[in-house]
């Protein structure tokens, strides 16, 4: 049984083709699986937010639900 999609206020849908080496996609998939995320989009968002937090440029968004 699939989980219901997560709804968040202020979210927009943008289509963009990403080009990356297969090794990076493999790392992304490992992040997705280890964090028990449903999609690569969630793994990309988690990675961006963790990097932004590390760099001190995080905005006040609620994203703690990503960390499992």
N, C-alpha and C. Protein backbone atom coordinates (compact mmCIF):
# COMPACT_ATOMS: atom_id res chain seq x y z
N UNK A 1 0.83 -1.17 0.00
CA UNK A 1 0.00 0.00 0.00
C UNK A 1 0.88 1.25 0.00
N UNK A 2 0.61 2.18 -0.89
CA UNK A 2 1.40 3.40 -0.99
C UNK A 2 0.97 4.40 0.06
N UNK A 3 1.96 5.21 0.49
CA UNK A 3 1.67 6.27 1.44
C UNK A 3 1.01 7.43 0.71
N UNK A 4 0.19 8.18 1.44
CA UNK A 4 -0.41 9.38 0.86
C UNK A 4 0.69 10.41 0.63
N UNK A 5 0.61 11.17 -0.46
CA UNK A 5 1.63 12.19 -0.70
C UNK A 5 1.63 13.24 0.40
N UNK A 6 2.81 13.73 0.73
CA UNK A 6 2.94 14.75 1.77
C UNK A 6 2.57 16.10 1.17
N UNK A 7 1.72 16.85 1.85
CA UNK A 7 1.29 18.16 1.39
C UNK A 7 1.97 19.21 2.25
N UNK A 8 2.53 20.23 1.59
CA UNK A 8 3.15 21.33 2.32
C UNK A 8 2.76 22.64 1.68
N UNK A 9 2.46 23.63 2.50
CA UNK A 9 2.05 24.94 2.02
C UNK A 9 3.21 25.61 1.28
N UNK A 10 2.88 26.35 0.26
CA UNK A 10 3.89 27.11 -0.47
C UNK A 10 4.71 26.30 -1.45
N UNK A 11 4.35 25.08 -1.69
CA UNK A 11 5.12 24.23 -2.59
C UNK A 11 4.67 24.45 -4.02
N UNK A 12 5.63 24.60 -4.91
CA UNK A 12 5.33 24.70 -6.33
C UNK A 12 5.96 23.53 -7.04
N UNK A 13 5.40 23.16 -8.16
CA UNK A 13 5.93 22.04 -8.92
C UNK A 13 6.67 22.60 -10.14
N UNK A 14 7.94 22.23 -10.27
CA UNK A 14 8.78 22.68 -11.37
C UNK A 14 9.38 21.45 -12.02
N UNK A 15 9.35 21.43 -13.34
CA UNK A 15 9.96 20.32 -14.06
C UNK A 15 11.33 20.75 -14.54
N UNK A 16 12.34 20.00 -14.17
CA UNK A 16 13.71 20.29 -14.58
C UNK A 16 14.43 18.96 -14.76
N UNK A 17 15.09 18.81 -15.88
CA UNK A 17 15.88 17.61 -16.12
C UNK A 17 17.25 17.79 -15.48
N UNK A 18 17.63 16.85 -14.65
CA UNK A 18 18.94 16.88 -14.01
C UNK A 18 19.88 15.94 -14.74
N UNK A 19 21.07 16.41 -14.97
CA UNK A 19 22.09 15.58 -15.60
C UNK A 19 23.19 15.36 -14.56
N UNK A 20 23.46 14.10 -14.25
CA UNK A 20 24.50 13.79 -13.28
C UNK A 20 25.13 12.45 -13.63
N UNK A 21 26.33 12.25 -13.13
CA UNK A 21 27.00 10.97 -13.34
C UNK A 21 26.23 9.88 -12.61
N UNK A 22 26.32 8.69 -13.14
CA UNK A 22 25.60 7.56 -12.56
C UNK A 22 26.02 7.32 -11.11
N UNK A 23 27.28 7.64 -10.78
CA UNK A 23 27.74 7.46 -9.40
C UNK A 23 26.98 8.37 -8.44
N UNK A 24 26.70 9.61 -8.87
CA UNK A 24 25.95 10.54 -8.03
C UNK A 24 24.51 10.07 -7.87
N UNK A 25 23.94 9.55 -8.94
CA UNK A 25 22.58 9.03 -8.82
C UNK A 25 22.55 7.85 -7.86
N UNK A 26 23.60 7.04 -7.89
CA UNK A 26 23.70 5.92 -6.96
C UNK A 26 23.76 6.39 -5.51
N UNK A 27 24.52 7.46 -5.26
CA UNK A 27 24.59 8.03 -3.91
C UNK A 27 23.23 8.59 -3.49
N UNK A 28 22.56 9.25 -4.42
CA UNK A 28 21.23 9.78 -4.15
C UNK A 28 20.26 8.66 -3.78
N UNK A 29 20.33 7.57 -4.49
CA UNK A 29 19.46 6.43 -4.21
C UNK A 29 19.78 5.83 -2.84
N UNK A 30 21.06 5.79 -2.46
CA UNK A 30 21.43 5.29 -1.14
C UNK A 30 20.88 6.20 -0.04
N UNK A 31 20.93 7.51 -0.25
CA UNK A 31 20.35 8.46 0.70
C UNK A 31 18.85 8.21 0.82
N UNK A 32 18.19 8.04 -0.31
CA UNK A 32 16.74 7.81 -0.32
C UNK A 32 16.39 6.56 0.48
N UNK A 33 17.12 5.49 0.25
CA UNK A 33 16.83 4.23 0.93
C UNK A 33 17.16 4.30 2.42
N UNK A 34 18.33 4.86 2.76
CA UNK A 34 18.75 4.91 4.16
C UNK A 34 17.82 5.79 4.99
N UNK A 35 17.30 6.87 4.41
CA UNK A 35 16.39 7.76 5.11
C UNK A 35 14.93 7.32 4.97
N UNK A 36 14.72 6.23 4.25
CA UNK A 36 13.37 5.69 4.01
C UNK A 36 12.45 6.73 3.37
N UNK A 37 12.99 7.42 2.37
CA UNK A 37 12.21 8.41 1.64
C UNK A 37 11.51 7.73 0.47
N UNK A 38 10.43 8.34 0.01
CA UNK A 38 9.64 7.73 -1.06
C UNK A 38 10.17 8.03 -2.45
N UNK A 39 10.76 9.21 -2.63
CA UNK A 39 11.15 9.62 -3.98
C UNK A 39 12.55 10.23 -4.00
N UNK A 40 13.12 10.29 -5.18
CA UNK A 40 14.40 10.97 -5.36
C UNK A 40 14.26 12.46 -5.07
N UNK A 41 13.09 13.03 -5.35
CA UNK A 41 12.85 14.45 -5.06
C UNK A 41 13.06 14.72 -3.57
N UNK A 42 12.55 13.84 -2.72
CA UNK A 42 12.71 14.02 -1.28
C UNK A 42 14.19 13.89 -0.88
N UNK A 43 14.91 12.99 -1.51
CA UNK A 43 16.33 12.82 -1.21
C UNK A 43 17.12 14.04 -1.65
N UNK A 44 16.77 14.62 -2.79
CA UNK A 44 17.43 15.84 -3.25
C UNK A 44 17.14 16.98 -2.29
N UNK A 45 15.87 17.13 -1.88
CA UNK A 45 15.51 18.20 -0.96
C UNK A 45 16.24 18.04 0.38
N UNK A 46 16.29 16.82 0.89
CA UNK A 46 17.00 16.58 2.14
C UNK A 46 18.46 16.98 2.01
N UNK A 47 19.09 16.59 0.93
CA UNK A 47 20.50 16.90 0.71
C UNK A 47 20.74 18.40 0.63
N UNK A 48 19.86 19.10 -0.07
CA UNK A 48 19.99 20.56 -0.20
C UNK A 48 19.82 21.21 1.17
N UNK A 49 18.79 20.80 1.91
CA UNK A 49 18.54 21.42 3.22
C UNK A 49 19.66 21.14 4.22
N UNK A 50 20.20 19.93 4.21
CA UNK A 50 21.32 19.62 5.11
C UNK A 50 22.56 20.43 4.73
N UNK A 51 22.82 20.59 3.45
CA UNK A 51 23.96 21.40 3.00
C UNK A 51 23.77 22.86 3.37
N UNK A 52 22.57 23.38 3.16
CA UNK A 52 22.28 24.78 3.51
C UNK A 52 22.44 25.00 5.02
N UNK A 53 21.97 24.05 5.81
CA UNK A 53 22.10 24.14 7.26
C UNK A 53 23.58 24.16 7.66
N UNK A 54 24.36 23.30 7.04
CA UNK A 54 25.79 23.24 7.34
C UNK A 54 26.49 24.55 6.98
N UNK A 55 26.02 25.19 5.90
CA UNK A 55 26.61 26.46 5.46
C UNK A 55 26.03 27.67 6.18
N UNK A 56 25.04 27.43 7.03
CA UNK A 56 24.45 28.53 7.79
C UNK A 56 23.48 29.39 6.99
N UNK A 57 22.92 28.84 5.91
CA UNK A 57 22.00 29.62 5.08
C UNK A 57 20.59 29.04 5.07
N UNK A 58 20.28 28.25 6.09
CA UNK A 58 18.97 27.63 6.18
C UNK A 58 17.92 28.67 6.52
N UNK A 59 16.79 28.59 5.83
CA UNK A 59 15.65 29.42 6.17
C UNK A 59 14.78 28.66 7.15
N UNK A 60 13.80 29.33 7.72
CA UNK A 60 12.96 28.74 8.76
C UNK A 60 11.86 27.88 8.17
N UNK A 61 12.22 26.80 7.50
CA UNK A 61 11.24 25.86 6.98
C UNK A 61 11.20 24.64 7.89
N UNK A 62 10.04 24.06 8.01
CA UNK A 62 9.90 22.83 8.80
C UNK A 62 10.29 21.66 7.91
N UNK A 63 11.40 21.04 8.21
CA UNK A 63 11.85 19.90 7.41
C UNK A 63 12.34 18.76 8.28
N UNK A 64 12.09 18.85 9.57
CA UNK A 64 12.58 17.80 10.47
C UNK A 64 11.92 16.44 10.19
N UNK A 65 10.77 16.44 9.50
CA UNK A 65 10.12 15.17 9.19
C UNK A 65 10.96 14.32 8.23
N UNK A 66 11.94 14.95 7.54
CA UNK A 66 12.82 14.20 6.64
C UNK A 66 13.76 13.28 7.41
N UNK A 67 14.19 13.70 8.58
CA UNK A 67 15.18 12.94 9.32
C UNK A 67 14.48 11.82 10.07
N UNK A 68 14.86 10.60 9.76
CA UNK A 68 14.21 9.44 10.38
C UNK A 68 15.21 8.64 11.19
